[in-house]
Amino acid sequence: MSSCRAAAVATFALAATGAAGCGGSERQDANEPRGTFEVEVVQASFPRRQAVAQRSTLRVQVRNQGDRTAPNVALTVKTQSRRPGGANSAFGQAVEDPRFADHERPVWIVDAGPGGGETAYTNTWALGRLAPEQTKTFAFRLTAVEPGSYRVGYEVAPGLNGRARRARGTRASGTLKVSIDDKPVDARVGDDGEVIRTGDAVAAGADR
């Protein structure tokens, strides 16, 4: 699994439109029920304008609008490849360079992902059962490391393996345009040895 991280805050416009557990002998999705579930994104935020070394938070809030408990609400994140035919990863870009054993370079470094949300998939996180009329928030603390313009997509699901499906018409996915400036934010080392960075990402408008 490759490392990744990010920054930002912008309110997303939402468009209508999973993973197995790490460790242990029993799969997270072993007992996933079949059926449809009304899970949808009610709010998503991520700054549109960022700078190298700047930290910010990507948040996606998911709500169960139906009357059945979703078995394992999951979020998949994909930063679209700028290279034709390139693979999409969560917070990075595929590169073709024989000097590197790892053919993916991070755009953001993930300082912290959703607590307890890691799965066997490199770009999917899951936060467990989601009862009717309840919400859960996927939050990623990220640091931008690669300048350029990017499109970050997200999609939610009620489960990991496809037996639990989203109901039709739910607002479950969206895309955000992000621009990372190559001029790093000011930083200094504090008395306690911690790196102190100045400047926060500026909130931006919504994208579909």
N, C-alpha and C. Protein backbone atom coordinates (compact mmCIF):
# COMPACT_ATOMS: atom_id res chain seq x y z
N MET A 1 0.85 -1.19 0.00
CA MET A 1 0.00 0.00 0.00
C MET A 1 0.88 1.23 0.00
N SER A 2 0.64 2.15 -0.89
CA SER A 2 1.49 3.33 -0.97
C SER A 2 1.01 4.41 -0.02
N SER A 3 1.94 5.29 0.38
CA SER A 3 1.59 6.40 1.27
C SER A 3 0.97 7.52 0.47
N CYS A 4 0.16 8.34 1.13
CA CYS A 4 -0.47 9.46 0.46
C CYS A 4 -0.92 10.48 1.50
N ARG A 5 -1.14 11.80 1.09
CA ARG A 5 -1.65 12.82 2.00
C ARG A 5 -2.21 14.06 1.33
N ALA A 6 -2.99 15.02 2.00
CA ALA A 6 -3.63 16.15 1.29
C ALA A 6 -3.98 17.35 2.11
N ALA A 7 -4.66 18.39 1.53
CA ALA A 7 -5.06 19.61 2.18
C ALA A 7 -6.31 20.18 1.57
N ALA A 8 -7.18 21.02 2.35
CA ALA A 8 -8.23 21.77 1.68
C ALA A 8 -9.56 21.93 2.32
N VAL A 9 -10.41 22.99 1.79
CA VAL A 9 -11.80 23.05 2.19
C VAL A 9 -12.68 23.73 1.16
N ALA A 10 -13.54 23.04 0.46
CA ALA A 10 -14.46 23.60 -0.53
C ALA A 10 -15.71 22.79 -0.49
N THR A 11 -16.85 23.39 -0.60
CA THR A 11 -18.08 22.63 -0.55
C THR A 11 -18.36 22.02 -1.91
N PHE A 12 -18.53 20.69 -1.93
CA PHE A 12 -18.74 19.99 -3.18
C PHE A 12 -20.21 20.02 -3.58
N ALA A 13 -20.46 20.13 -4.86
CA ALA A 13 -21.78 19.80 -5.38
C ALA A 13 -21.77 18.29 -5.53
N LEU A 14 -22.87 17.65 -5.21
CA LEU A 14 -22.90 16.21 -5.17
C LEU A 14 -23.64 15.66 -6.38
N ALA A 15 -23.10 14.60 -6.95
CA ALA A 15 -23.71 14.01 -8.13
C ALA A 15 -24.27 12.65 -7.79
N ALA A 16 -25.43 12.27 -8.39
CA ALA A 16 -25.96 10.95 -8.17
C ALA A 16 -25.08 9.95 -8.88
N THR A 17 -25.04 9.22 -8.43
CA THR A 17 -24.35 8.27 -9.22
C THR A 17 -25.38 7.20 -9.62
N GLY A 18 -15.91 -0.25 -2.56
CA GLY A 18 -16.11 -0.97 -1.42
C GLY A 18 -14.84 -1.50 -0.82
N ALA A 19 -14.53 -2.99 0.18
CA ALA A 19 -13.16 -3.44 0.48
C ALA A 19 -13.16 -4.52 1.50
N ALA A 20 -12.15 -5.32 1.59
CA ALA A 20 -12.02 -6.40 2.55
C ALA A 20 -11.12 -5.99 3.67
N GLY A 21 -11.21 -6.69 4.81
CA GLY A 21 -10.47 -6.28 5.99
C GLY A 21 -9.00 -6.62 5.94
N CYS A 22 -8.22 -5.83 6.69
CA CYS A 22 -6.79 -6.07 6.81
C CYS A 22 -6.56 -6.95 8.02
N GLY A 23 -5.81 -8.00 7.84
CA GLY A 23 -5.45 -8.84 8.97
C GLY A 23 -6.58 -9.77 9.37
N GLY A 24 -6.22 -10.85 10.09
CA GLY A 24 -7.22 -11.78 10.55
C GLY A 24 -7.63 -12.74 9.46
N SER A 25 -8.30 -13.83 9.85
CA SER A 25 -8.68 -14.85 8.88
C SER A 25 -10.07 -14.61 8.32
N GLU A 26 -10.87 -13.78 8.99
CA GLU A 26 -12.24 -13.55 8.53
C GLU A 26 -12.32 -12.24 7.76
N ARG A 27 -12.95 -12.30 6.59
CA ARG A 27 -13.11 -11.12 5.76
C ARG A 27 -14.09 -10.15 6.40
N GLN A 28 -13.84 -8.82 6.20
CA GLN A 28 -14.77 -7.81 6.71
C GLN A 28 -16.14 -7.98 6.08
N ASP A 29 -16.18 -8.45 4.82
CA ASP A 29 -17.44 -8.52 4.09
C ASP A 29 -18.03 -9.92 4.06
N ALA A 30 -17.55 -10.82 4.94
CA ALA A 30 -17.96 -12.21 4.89
C ALA A 30 -19.46 -12.38 5.05
N ASN A 31 -20.09 -11.57 5.89
CA ASN A 31 -21.52 -11.72 6.17
C ASN A 31 -22.32 -10.55 5.64
N GLU A 32 -21.84 -9.91 4.59
CA GLU A 32 -22.53 -8.74 4.05
C GLU A 32 -23.88 -9.15 3.47
N PRO A 33 -24.97 -8.51 3.90
CA PRO A 33 -26.29 -8.86 3.38
C PRO A 33 -26.50 -8.34 1.97
N ARG A 34 -27.39 -9.00 1.24
CA ARG A 34 -27.76 -8.51 -0.08
C ARG A 34 -28.88 -7.48 0.06
N GLY A 35 -28.98 -6.61 -0.93
CA GLY A 35 -30.06 -5.63 -0.93
C GLY A 35 -29.57 -4.25 -1.28
N THR A 36 -30.50 -3.31 -1.27
CA THR A 36 -30.17 -1.92 -1.58
C THR A 36 -30.31 -1.06 -0.33
N PHE A 37 -29.46 -0.05 -0.25
CA PHE A 37 -29.41 0.81 0.93
C PHE A 37 -29.29 2.26 0.47
N GLU A 38 -30.01 3.15 1.15
CA GLU A 38 -30.05 4.55 0.75
C GLU A 38 -28.97 5.36 1.46
N VAL A 39 -27.72 5.06 1.14
CA VAL A 39 -26.61 5.85 1.69
C VAL A 39 -26.21 6.90 0.67
N GLU A 40 -25.98 8.12 1.13
CA GLU A 40 -25.59 9.18 0.22
C GLU A 40 -24.72 10.22 0.91
N VAL A 41 -23.97 10.96 0.11
CA VAL A 41 -23.12 12.02 0.62
C VAL A 41 -23.97 13.26 0.86
N VAL A 42 -23.91 13.79 2.08
CA VAL A 42 -24.67 15.00 2.40
C VAL A 42 -23.77 16.23 2.44
N GLN A 43 -22.47 16.02 2.60
CA GLN A 43 -21.54 17.15 2.56
C GLN A 43 -20.13 16.62 2.28
N ALA A 44 -19.39 17.37 1.46
CA ALA A 44 -18.00 17.04 1.19
C ALA A 44 -17.22 18.34 1.08
N SER A 45 -16.03 18.39 1.65
CA SER A 45 -15.26 19.63 1.61
C SER A 45 -13.78 19.35 1.41
N PHE A 46 -13.13 20.22 0.64
CA PHE A 46 -11.70 20.10 0.35
C PHE A 46 -11.28 21.39 -0.36
N PRO A 47 -10.25 22.13 0.11
CA PRO A 47 -9.87 23.39 -0.51
C PRO A 47 -9.43 23.22 -1.96
N ARG A 48 -9.86 24.14 -2.78
CA ARG A 48 -9.54 24.08 -4.20
C ARG A 48 -8.13 24.57 -4.49
N ARG A 49 -7.68 25.57 -3.77
CA ARG A 49 -6.34 26.12 -3.98
C ARG A 49 -5.45 25.73 -2.80
N GLN A 50 -4.31 25.10 -3.11
CA GLN A 50 -3.40 24.62 -2.09
C GLN A 50 -1.97 24.96 -2.48
N ALA A 51 -1.02 24.66 -1.62
CA ALA A 51 0.40 24.91 -1.90
C ALA A 51 1.22 23.75 -1.36
N VAL A 52 2.37 23.54 -1.96
CA VAL A 52 3.28 22.48 -1.51
C VAL A 52 3.61 22.69 -0.03
N ALA A 53 3.58 21.60 0.73
CA ALA A 53 3.85 21.58 2.18
C ALA A 53 2.69 22.11 3.00
N GLN A 54 1.58 22.47 2.36
CA GLN A 54 0.42 22.96 3.10
C GLN A 54 -0.45 21.79 3.54
N ARG A 55 -0.95 21.87 4.74
CA ARG A 55 -1.80 20.81 5.28
C ARG A 55 -3.25 21.25 5.31
N SER A 56 -4.15 20.33 5.03
CA SER A 56 -5.57 20.60 5.14
C SER A 56 -6.31 19.28 5.26
N THR A 57 -7.64 19.35 5.29
CA THR A 57 -8.45 18.16 5.56
C THR A 57 -9.51 17.96 4.49
N LEU A 58 -9.57 16.75 3.98
CA LEU A 58 -10.66 16.32 3.10
C LEU A 58 -11.70 15.63 3.96
N ARG A 59 -12.95 16.09 3.88
CA ARG A 59 -14.03 15.49 4.66
C ARG A 59 -15.18 15.10 3.74
N VAL A 60 -15.71 13.90 3.96
CA VAL A 60 -16.89 13.44 3.24
C VAL A 60 -17.85 12.87 4.27
N GLN A 61 -19.03 13.49 4.38
CA GLN A 61 -20.03 13.07 5.36
C GLN A 61 -21.11 12.25 4.66
N VAL A 62 -21.38 11.07 5.21
CA VAL A 62 -22.32 10.14 4.60
C VAL A 62 -23.48 9.89 5.55
N ARG A 63 -24.69 9.86 5.00
CA ARG A 63 -25.90 9.65 5.80
C ARG A 63 -26.70 8.48 5.23
N ASN A 64 -27.30 7.71 6.14
CA ASN A 64 -28.22 6.64 5.74
C ASN A 64 -29.63 7.21 5.74
N GLN A 65 -30.18 7.43 4.55
CA GLN A 65 -31.51 8.02 4.41
C GLN A 65 -32.62 6.98 4.41
N GLY A 66 -32.26 5.71 4.45
CA GLY A 66 -33.25 4.65 4.38
C GLY A 66 -33.66 4.11 5.74
N ASP A 67 -34.32 2.93 5.72
CA ASP A 67 -34.80 2.32 6.96
C ASP A 67 -34.08 1.00 7.28
N ARG A 68 -33.00 0.71 6.55
CA ARG A 68 -32.19 -0.48 6.81
C ARG A 68 -30.77 -0.06 7.17
N THR A 69 -30.16 -0.76 8.12
CA THR A 69 -28.78 -0.45 8.51
C THR A 69 -27.81 -0.91 7.42
N ALA A 70 -26.99 0.01 6.93
CA ALA A 70 -25.96 -0.34 5.95
C ALA A 70 -24.88 -1.15 6.66
N PRO A 71 -24.43 -2.27 6.07
CA PRO A 71 -23.52 -3.17 6.79
C PRO A 71 -22.12 -2.62 7.03
N ASN A 72 -21.58 -1.84 6.09
CA ASN A 72 -20.19 -1.36 6.25
C ASN A 72 -19.97 -0.21 5.28
N VAL A 73 -20.36 0.99 5.69
CA VAL A 73 -20.30 2.13 4.78
C VAL A 73 -18.85 2.40 4.37
N ALA A 74 -18.64 2.54 3.05
CA ALA A 74 -17.28 2.63 2.51
C ALA A 74 -17.14 3.83 1.58
N LEU A 75 -15.93 4.37 1.52
CA LEU A 75 -15.61 5.50 0.64
C LEU A 75 -14.39 5.15 -0.19
N THR A 76 -14.52 5.33 -1.51
CA THR A 76 -13.40 5.15 -2.43
C THR A 76 -12.97 6.50 -2.96
N VAL A 77 -11.66 6.78 -2.92
CA VAL A 77 -11.11 8.05 -3.40
C VAL A 77 -10.17 7.77 -4.57
N LYS A 78 -10.31 8.56 -5.64
CA LYS A 78 -9.46 8.39 -6.82
C LYS A 78 -9.00 9.75 -7.33
N THR A 79 -7.69 9.95 -7.35
CA THR A 79 -7.12 11.12 -8.01
C THR A 79 -6.89 10.73 -9.46
N GLN A 80 -7.62 11.37 -10.37
CA GLN A 80 -7.57 10.97 -11.77
C GLN A 80 -6.18 11.17 -12.35
N SER A 81 -5.73 10.16 -13.10
CA SER A 81 -4.40 10.21 -13.72
C SER A 81 -4.36 11.27 -14.81
N ARG A 82 -3.28 12.03 -14.85
CA ARG A 82 -3.10 13.03 -15.91
C ARG A 82 -2.46 12.41 -17.15
N ARG A 83 -2.09 11.13 -17.05
CA ARG A 83 -1.49 10.43 -18.18
C ARG A 83 -2.54 9.52 -18.81
N PRO A 84 -2.79 9.63 -20.14
CA PRO A 84 -3.79 8.79 -20.80
C PRO A 84 -3.55 7.31 -20.51
N GLY A 85 -4.58 6.63 -20.05
CA GLY A 85 -4.46 5.22 -19.75
C GLY A 85 -3.84 4.91 -18.41
N GLY A 86 -3.43 5.94 -17.67
CA GLY A 86 -2.82 5.73 -16.37
C GLY A 86 -3.83 5.31 -15.32
N ALA A 87 -3.38 4.56 -14.34
CA ALA A 87 -4.27 4.10 -13.28
C ALA A 87 -4.58 5.24 -12.31
N ASN A 88 -5.78 5.21 -11.74
CA ASN A 88 -6.18 6.18 -10.73
C ASN A 88 -5.86 5.64 -9.35
N SER A 89 -5.18 6.43 -8.53
CA SER A 89 -4.91 6.03 -7.15
C SER A 89 -5.58 7.02 -6.21
N ALA A 90 -5.53 6.74 -4.91
CA ALA A 90 -6.25 7.58 -3.96
C ALA A 90 -5.70 9.00 -3.96
N PHE A 91 -4.43 9.17 -3.63
CA PHE A 91 -3.85 10.50 -3.50
C PHE A 91 -2.51 10.61 -4.22
N GLY A 92 -2.36 9.91 -5.34
CA GLY A 92 -1.10 9.93 -6.06
C GLY A 92 -1.28 9.87 -7.57
N GLN A 93 -0.16 9.75 -8.27
CA GLN A 93 -0.15 9.66 -9.73
C GLN A 93 0.81 8.55 -10.15
N ALA A 94 0.40 7.80 -11.18
CA ALA A 94 1.27 6.78 -11.74
C ALA A 94 2.36 7.45 -12.58
N VAL A 95 3.58 6.91 -12.52
CA VAL A 95 4.70 7.45 -13.30
C VAL A 95 5.39 6.32 -14.04
N GLU A 96 5.97 6.65 -15.19
CA GLU A 96 6.75 5.68 -15.95
C GLU A 96 8.21 6.09 -15.87
N ASP A 97 8.92 5.53 -14.91
CA ASP A 97 10.33 5.86 -14.73
C ASP A 97 11.05 4.62 -14.24
N PRO A 98 11.92 4.03 -15.06
CA PRO A 98 12.60 2.78 -14.68
C PRO A 98 13.49 2.92 -13.45
N ARG A 99 13.77 4.14 -13.04
CA ARG A 99 14.62 4.33 -11.86
C ARG A 99 13.89 4.02 -10.57
N PHE A 100 12.53 4.00 -10.63
CA PHE A 100 11.75 3.79 -9.42
C PHE A 100 11.10 2.41 -9.43
N ALA A 101 11.25 1.70 -8.31
CA ALA A 101 10.58 0.40 -8.18
C ALA A 101 9.08 0.60 -7.99
N ASP A 102 8.70 1.66 -7.27
CA ASP A 102 7.30 1.99 -7.06
C ASP A 102 6.89 2.97 -8.16
N HIS A 103 5.92 2.59 -8.98
CA HIS A 103 5.51 3.41 -10.11
C HIS A 103 4.39 4.38 -9.75
N GLU A 104 4.27 4.71 -8.49
CA GLU A 104 3.29 5.70 -8.06
C GLU A 104 3.97 6.74 -7.19
N ARG A 105 3.75 7.99 -7.51
CA ARG A 105 4.31 9.10 -6.75
C ARG A 105 3.17 9.83 -6.05
N PRO A 106 3.32 10.15 -4.77
CA PRO A 106 2.23 10.82 -4.05
C PRO A 106 2.05 12.27 -4.50
N VAL A 107 0.80 12.68 -4.57
CA VAL A 107 0.44 14.09 -4.75
C VAL A 107 0.20 14.70 -3.37
N TRP A 108 -0.43 13.91 -2.51
CA TRP A 108 -0.62 14.27 -1.10
C TRP A 108 -0.08 13.15 -0.23
N ILE A 109 0.44 13.51 0.92
CA ILE A 109 0.83 12.54 1.94
C ILE A 109 -0.29 12.48 2.96
N VAL A 110 -0.71 11.26 3.30
CA VAL A 110 -1.78 11.09 4.28
C VAL A 110 -1.18 11.11 5.68
N ASP A 111 -1.40 12.21 6.38
CA ASP A 111 -0.93 12.31 7.77
C ASP A 111 -1.80 11.46 8.68
N ALA A 112 -3.10 11.42 8.39
CA ALA A 112 -4.03 10.60 9.17
C ALA A 112 -5.27 10.35 8.33
N GLY A 113 -5.71 9.09 8.29
CA GLY A 113 -6.93 8.74 7.58
C GLY A 113 -8.07 8.55 8.55
N PRO A 114 -9.24 8.14 8.06
CA PRO A 114 -10.38 7.89 8.94
C PRO A 114 -10.03 6.84 9.99
N GLY A 115 -10.23 7.15 11.25
CA GLY A 115 -9.86 6.24 12.33
C GLY A 115 -10.51 4.88 12.21
N GLY A 116 -9.70 3.82 12.19
CA GLY A 116 -10.21 2.46 12.09
C GLY A 116 -10.78 2.11 10.74
N GLY A 117 -10.52 2.93 9.71
CA GLY A 117 -11.17 2.73 8.43
C GLY A 117 -10.37 2.00 7.38
N GLU A 118 -9.14 1.58 7.68
CA GLU A 118 -8.31 0.93 6.66
C GLU A 118 -8.92 -0.40 6.22
N THR A 119 -8.78 -0.70 4.93
CA THR A 119 -9.24 -1.97 4.36
C THR A 119 -8.10 -2.58 3.55
N ALA A 120 -8.36 -3.70 2.92
CA ALA A 120 -7.36 -4.34 2.08
C ALA A 120 -7.19 -3.63 0.75
N TYR A 121 -8.05 -2.67 0.46
CA TYR A 121 -7.95 -1.90 -0.78
C TYR A 121 -7.14 -0.63 -0.53
N THR A 122 -6.31 -0.26 -1.49
CA THR A 122 -5.42 0.88 -1.29
C THR A 122 -6.12 2.23 -1.38
N ASN A 123 -7.33 2.27 -1.95
CA ASN A 123 -8.01 3.55 -2.10
C ASN A 123 -9.43 3.55 -1.54
N THR A 124 -9.73 2.58 -0.65
CA THR A 124 -11.06 2.47 -0.05
C THR A 124 -10.94 2.37 1.46
N TRP A 125 -11.81 3.11 2.15
CA TRP A 125 -11.88 3.10 3.61
C TRP A 125 -13.31 2.75 4.01
N ALA A 126 -13.47 2.07 5.15
CA ALA A 126 -14.79 1.66 5.61
C ALA A 126 -14.94 1.96 7.10
N LEU A 127 -16.13 2.43 7.49
CA LEU A 127 -16.36 2.84 8.88
C LEU A 127 -17.44 2.01 9.58
N GLY A 128 -17.73 0.82 9.06
CA GLY A 128 -18.65 -0.06 9.76
C GLY A 128 -20.12 0.22 9.48
N ARG A 129 -20.98 -0.29 10.37
CA ARG A 129 -22.42 -0.19 10.19
C ARG A 129 -22.90 1.25 10.30
N LEU A 130 -23.92 1.56 9.50
CA LEU A 130 -24.51 2.89 9.54
C LEU A 130 -26.02 2.74 9.66
N ALA A 131 -26.55 3.07 10.84
CA ALA A 131 -27.97 2.90 11.12
C ALA A 131 -28.81 3.94 10.38
N PRO A 132 -30.11 3.69 10.22
CA PRO A 132 -30.98 4.65 9.54
C PRO A 132 -30.94 6.02 10.21
N GLU A 133 -30.93 7.06 9.38
CA GLU A 133 -30.94 8.46 9.82
C GLU A 133 -29.68 8.86 10.60
N GLN A 134 -28.62 8.05 10.51
CA GLN A 134 -27.36 8.39 11.16
C GLN A 134 -26.33 8.80 10.11
N THR A 135 -25.30 9.53 10.55
CA THR A 135 -24.24 9.97 9.65
C THR A 135 -22.87 9.56 10.18
N LYS A 136 -21.92 9.40 9.26
CA LYS A 136 -20.52 9.19 9.61
C LYS A 136 -19.67 10.05 8.68
N THR A 137 -18.51 10.47 9.19
CA THR A 137 -17.64 11.36 8.42
C THR A 137 -16.29 10.71 8.17
N PHE A 138 -15.91 10.65 6.91
CA PHE A 138 -14.57 10.23 6.51
C PHE A 138 -13.69 11.47 6.47
N ALA A 139 -12.64 11.51 7.27
CA ALA A 139 -11.76 12.68 7.33
C ALA A 139 -10.32 12.26 7.07
N PHE A 140 -9.66 12.99 6.18
CA PHE A 140 -8.27 12.73 5.82
C PHE A 140 -7.45 13.99 6.07
N ARG A 141 -6.46 13.91 6.94
CA ARG A 141 -5.52 15.01 7.15
C ARG A 141 -4.36 14.81 6.18
N LEU A 142 -4.18 15.77 5.26
CA LEU A 142 -3.26 15.59 4.14
C LEU A 142 -2.26 16.73 4.01
N THR A 143 -1.12 16.42 3.43
CA THR A 143 -0.12 17.43 3.11
C THR A 143 0.19 17.36 1.62
N ALA A 144 0.04 18.46 0.91
CA ALA A 144 0.32 18.50 -0.53
C ALA A 144 1.83 18.47 -0.77
N VAL A 145 2.26 17.63 -1.72
CA VAL A 145 3.70 17.51 -1.98
C VAL A 145 4.06 17.64 -3.46
N GLU A 146 3.07 17.62 -4.36
CA GLU A 146 3.36 17.67 -5.79
C GLU A 146 2.51 18.74 -6.46
N PRO A 147 3.15 19.81 -6.99
CA PRO A 147 2.37 20.88 -7.61
C PRO A 147 1.67 20.42 -8.89
N GLY A 148 0.61 21.14 -9.25
CA GLY A 148 -0.12 20.82 -10.47
C GLY A 148 -1.61 20.93 -10.27
N SER A 149 -2.36 20.59 -11.31
CA SER A 149 -3.82 20.61 -11.26
C SER A 149 -4.33 19.18 -11.27
N TYR A 150 -5.29 18.89 -10.39
CA TYR A 150 -5.77 17.53 -10.22
C TYR A 150 -7.28 17.50 -10.07
N ARG A 151 -7.85 16.32 -10.37
CA ARG A 151 -9.28 16.07 -10.14
C ARG A 151 -9.38 14.89 -9.18
N VAL A 152 -9.97 15.15 -8.02
CA VAL A 152 -10.11 14.12 -6.98
C VAL A 152 -11.57 13.68 -6.93
N GLY A 153 -11.80 12.41 -7.20
CA GLY A 153 -13.15 11.87 -7.17
C GLY A 153 -13.39 11.04 -5.93
N TYR A 154 -14.65 10.95 -5.50
CA TYR A 154 -15.02 10.12 -4.36
C TYR A 154 -16.34 9.43 -4.65
N GLU A 155 -16.54 8.28 -4.03
CA GLU A 155 -17.78 7.52 -4.21
C GLU A 155 -18.04 6.69 -2.96
N VAL A 156 -19.28 6.69 -2.48
CA VAL A 156 -19.63 5.93 -1.28
C VAL A 156 -20.42 4.69 -1.66
N ALA A 157 -20.37 3.69 -0.78
CA ALA A 157 -21.09 2.44 -0.97
C ALA A 157 -21.52 1.93 0.40
N PRO A 158 -22.61 1.13 0.46
CA PRO A 158 -23.07 0.60 1.74
C PRO A 158 -22.30 -0.61 2.22
N GLY A 159 -21.45 -1.19 1.36
CA GLY A 159 -20.69 -2.38 1.73
C GLY A 159 -19.43 -2.47 0.90
N LEU A 160 -18.71 -3.58 1.08
CA LEU A 160 -17.40 -3.72 0.45
C LEU A 160 -17.36 -4.62 -0.77
N ASN A 161 -18.24 -5.60 -0.87
CA ASN A 161 -18.06 -6.59 -1.93
C ASN A 161 -19.15 -6.59 -2.99
N GLY A 162 -20.09 -5.63 -2.92
CA GLY A 162 -21.08 -5.53 -3.98
C GLY A 162 -22.41 -6.19 -3.71
N ARG A 163 -22.50 -7.01 -2.66
CA ARG A 163 -23.81 -7.60 -2.34
C ARG A 163 -24.75 -6.53 -1.80
N ALA A 164 -24.21 -5.63 -1.00
CA ALA A 164 -24.99 -4.48 -0.54
C ALA A 164 -24.79 -3.36 -1.56
N ARG A 165 -25.89 -2.91 -2.16
CA ARG A 165 -25.80 -1.92 -3.23
C ARG A 165 -26.50 -0.63 -2.84
N ARG A 166 -26.08 0.46 -3.47
CA ARG A 166 -26.76 1.74 -3.27
C ARG A 166 -28.09 1.74 -3.98
N ALA A 167 -29.07 2.41 -3.37
CA ALA A 167 -30.36 2.59 -4.03
C ALA A 167 -30.19 3.58 -5.18
N ARG A 168 -30.97 3.41 -6.22
CA ARG A 168 -30.91 4.32 -7.36
C ARG A 168 -31.32 5.73 -6.95
N GLY A 169 -30.67 6.71 -7.56
CA GLY A 169 -31.03 8.10 -7.30
C GLY A 169 -30.35 8.72 -6.11
N THR A 170 -29.53 7.96 -5.39
CA THR A 170 -28.83 8.54 -4.24
C THR A 170 -27.63 9.35 -4.72
N ARG A 171 -27.33 10.42 -3.98
CA ARG A 171 -26.18 11.26 -4.32
C ARG A 171 -24.94 10.64 -3.68
N ALA A 172 -24.19 9.91 -4.48
CA ALA A 172 -23.14 9.07 -3.90
C ALA A 172 -21.74 9.36 -4.40
N SER A 173 -21.57 10.29 -5.33
CA SER A 173 -20.23 10.52 -5.86
C SER A 173 -20.06 11.97 -6.27
N GLY A 174 -18.81 12.38 -6.44
CA GLY A 174 -18.51 13.74 -6.86
C GLY A 174 -17.05 13.86 -7.23
N THR A 175 -16.70 14.99 -7.81
CA THR A 175 -15.33 15.26 -8.24
C THR A 175 -14.95 16.67 -7.86
N LEU A 176 -13.71 16.85 -7.42
CA LEU A 176 -13.22 18.17 -7.03
C LEU A 176 -11.96 18.52 -7.80
N LYS A 177 -11.93 19.72 -8.37
CA LYS A 177 -10.72 20.22 -9.02
C LYS A 177 -9.85 20.91 -7.97
N VAL A 178 -8.57 20.54 -7.96
CA VAL A 178 -7.63 21.10 -6.99
C VAL A 178 -6.38 21.60 -7.71
N SER A 179 -5.91 22.77 -7.33
CA SER A 179 -4.67 23.32 -7.87
C SER A 179 -3.67 23.48 -6.74
N ILE A 180 -2.48 22.89 -6.90
CA ILE A 180 -1.42 22.97 -5.89
C ILE A 180 -0.29 23.85 -6.42
N ASP A 181 -0.02 24.94 -5.72
CA ASP A 181 1.03 25.89 -6.11
C ASP A 181 2.40 25.31 -5.76
N ASP A 182 3.40 25.58 -6.62
CA ASP A 182 4.73 25.05 -6.34
C ASP A 182 5.52 25.88 -5.33
N LYS A 183 4.97 27.00 -4.89
CA LYS A 183 5.62 27.80 -3.86
C LYS A 183 5.19 27.28 -2.49
N PRO A 184 6.10 26.71 -1.71
CA PRO A 184 5.71 26.13 -0.42
C PRO A 184 5.25 27.20 0.56
N VAL A 185 4.41 26.78 1.51
CA VAL A 185 4.02 27.69 2.58
C VAL A 185 5.21 27.89 3.50
N ASP A 186 5.22 29.02 4.21
CA ASP A 186 6.30 29.30 5.15
C ASP A 186 6.27 28.29 6.29
N ALA A 187 7.44 27.83 6.70
CA ALA A 187 7.52 26.86 7.80
C ALA A 187 8.76 27.14 8.64
N ARG A 188 8.65 26.80 9.93
CA ARG A 188 9.80 26.94 10.83
C ARG A 188 9.69 25.85 11.90
N VAL A 189 10.79 25.60 12.58
CA VAL A 189 10.82 24.60 13.64
C VAL A 189 10.62 25.30 14.97
N GLY A 190 9.60 24.87 15.72
CA GLY A 190 9.30 25.46 17.01
C GLY A 190 10.25 25.00 18.10
N ASP A 191 10.09 25.58 19.29
CA ASP A 191 10.96 25.24 20.42
C ASP A 191 10.87 23.77 20.81
N ASP A 192 9.72 23.16 20.53
CA ASP A 192 9.54 21.76 20.88
C ASP A 192 9.97 20.81 19.77
N GLY A 193 10.53 21.37 18.69
CA GLY A 193 10.99 20.54 17.58
C GLY A 193 9.95 20.27 16.53
N GLU A 194 8.71 20.73 16.75
CA GLU A 194 7.64 20.52 15.78
C GLU A 194 7.74 21.54 14.65
N VAL A 195 7.39 21.09 13.42
CA VAL A 195 7.38 22.01 12.28
C VAL A 195 6.09 22.82 12.31
N ILE A 196 6.22 24.14 12.27
CA ILE A 196 5.07 25.04 12.29
C ILE A 196 4.92 25.64 10.91
N ARG A 197 3.75 25.44 10.29
CA ARG A 197 3.48 25.97 8.96
C ARG A 197 2.46 27.09 9.06
N THR A 198 2.62 28.12 8.23
CA THR A 198 1.67 29.23 8.23
C THR A 198 0.80 29.16 6.99
N GLY A 199 -0.42 29.67 7.12
CA GLY A 199 -1.31 29.72 5.96
C GLY A 199 -2.20 28.50 5.87
N ASP A 200 -3.51 28.73 5.70
CA ASP A 200 -4.46 27.66 5.54
C ASP A 200 -5.00 27.68 4.11
N ALA A 201 -5.42 26.54 3.63
CA ALA A 201 -6.03 26.49 2.31
C ALA A 201 -7.32 27.29 2.31
N VAL A 202 -7.59 27.99 1.21
CA VAL A 202 -8.76 28.85 1.12
C VAL A 202 -9.95 28.05 0.62
N ALA A 203 -11.09 28.21 1.29
CA ALA A 203 -12.30 27.50 0.89
C ALA A 203 -12.70 27.91 -0.51
N ALA A 204 -13.21 26.95 -1.28
CA ALA A 204 -13.59 27.23 -2.66
C ALA A 204 -15.00 26.76 -2.93
N GLY A 205 -15.48 27.05 -4.13
CA GLY A 205 -16.84 26.68 -4.51
C GLY A 205 -16.95 25.23 -4.91
N ALA A 206 -18.14 24.85 -5.31
CA ALA A 206 -18.44 23.45 -5.59
C ALA A 206 -18.12 23.09 -7.03
N ASP A 207 -17.80 21.82 -7.24
CA ASP A 207 -17.59 21.25 -8.57
C ASP A 207 -18.41 19.99 -8.71
N ARG A 208 -18.83 19.73 -9.92
CA ARG A 208 -19.49 18.45 -10.19
C ARG A 208 -18.53 17.55 -10.94
